[in-house]
């Protein structure tokens, strides 16, 4: 049994600043005149709640709240008005005014009778922002507002702690919930504890909780068993998972589709597909219908096994049962069919989806076009493109895929027409588009036109890759125009965007031939010397690391974009599942800066996509670091810019423009301030208070 804990002892688990720091003042939000016009002559709390809820500008919503309470004759705030403004602020991650508002609420006269819902919303929103300490503080302070904590607020807090991977605190809170907080756990509380222990890979302890639940007067439910089963499956112990399933059946619980799907997913990840198929057969034999998640697990496994025909059959069955597959699953099936040289069948599937009113997206179209072009069927790919274009707007990725296929097959005239169509539709070419066109022109012997496209490419802020340079150089050397090759090197150097691979290529091929361009050679050598890795920076600056002037971000980011090495002064943005502010910044000239976006670590949608990254590249941003998800990965990987993000996600964020800018942010265990410097390479990301001499 865990040691008994007093509520006050939990304060020792939190940073002291959360309890000693002064609340952010509200004075600068007060206005002498109504913040919006027309201001209502008669104002009631219900009307004010509606005004706050509908207001998209967070600062303006707070000004409306404060003006109503301070200046509107006869108006008095109540619980609902406080709840509405606190929910809106916390949902938008505008946390600074919340402490002052909570203080006003607590000290209101006459006292405002509060409900628990306001605290549950704050617990949840602080947790989503990664601020579990603040969630715990809110929970501990609930009695200060004459509100009794219930199992609902406890369960919300436990879920927050699980989201933030503080499994130790989950166990401590559970064990002391009744004695320290007067809360009797329910079965949902027990399930949260089981989930935390499984996430911690302590499935044995989770199984013990299963045995202890009846002693608490509770009955384990289907979620309890499925969670433990999932814990064993996650560690690859399928035999133990099957044992839990058997025990579940013995105790009279009928597994649902989720339970079976968890087991199937475990077998599929281990490559034991026949056993996964047997589980699905058992599921159907027991009268449990598969859902879209079940189908998705099995279809992805079949595609991975190279069983394209079986994947197609199961996909058809999924459609016939009325389930709508997502784009990524469609791409998997079409990709598997094409790899199996069944391109016609893949095209047939495309048309079947159209008949089912499942409109394919750009990712799916790009996959089909890629395989048709690879099969030499460029004309069919163009027809498919035209068919899609009638009802939708092709993305840059789709254009790039078809242009690449045309160039590969030497159909440069058609590629040029498609290029013109793309530009006419305000879809700007990126580095990938330029690269494939230059390579296609050079391979066809039209090196002169390739050089012209290269000049346009550099003027538009894009930069060629190593292969493009190599093909151009070889074409120029074969035609006896080595001086033009040296001019290309000069243009590249002057653009200031040469990456390490290209510097090495220039030095290897041209250092001995640059007697006519000494300045270029000096630039080459200086830039070659300038590539110092983050590891070397750390080794040479131990004092700065100890003092905190130089910090390393935790290794949580994936690397995207063509520029793996980048650095620059920091611009900070704090948002949550909204990319309006990010787009605003990237529309500005970057001047070699790095945009650091605190997206709260949300993995429910993507806050950065291909179009803003293309714009950032063209506007001269050095890089973008996102504490969240991105999408349009193929498009971003074709851009000459450095991007770091937690993961990719197909769902897009909202565009309301909510958030904060140029404020300190906490990302990957490090506090980053506007104006500091970022240095990133394949080893990691460093943050320095000042520019380093590297």
Foldseek 3Di string as FASTA:
>chain_A
DDDADALVNVVVVFPPCVPPPDAQDCVVLEDPDQLDPPDDLDDDQVVLLVVLQPDLALSNSVRNLVCQCPPRPPDHHAQSNLLSNLLVCLQWVVCRNNVVSVVCQLPPVVHHQYECVSLLSNLQSCLLLLNLSVNSVSQSCVVSSVYQDELSSVLSSLVSCLSNLVLVVLVNCQVNVCVRRVYQHALSSLLSNLLSCLVVLNLVVLVVSQVCQVVSVYHHAQSSLLSSLLSCLVVLNLVVSVVSVVVCVVVPHDHAQSSLQSSLLSCLVVVNNVVSVVSVVVCVVVVHDHAQSSLLSNLLSCLVVLVLVVSVVSVVVCVVVPHQHDQVSLLSSCLSCLVVVNLVVNVVVQVVCVVSVNQHAQVNLLSSCLSCLVVVNLVVNVVSVVVSVVPDPHALSNLLSSLLSCLVVLVLVVSVVSVVVCVVVVHDHFQSSLQSNLLSCLVVLNLVVSVVSQVVCLVLLHHHDPVSLVSSCVSCVVVVNNVVNVVSLVSRLVSVQDAQVNLVVCCVPPLVPCPVPVVSNVSSVVVNVVDDDPVNVCVVPVVCVVVVQKDFFAPQKDKAAQHQWAKAFEKEWEGELAQQQVLVVLQAQQQRYEYEYSHSLDAPAANEELPSLRSNSSSNYQEYEYSYEYEPRVSRNSHSHIYIYNYHDDHHGHHSNRTDIQQWDAHRNDIAGGGWMWTGHPVGIMTGRHDDDD
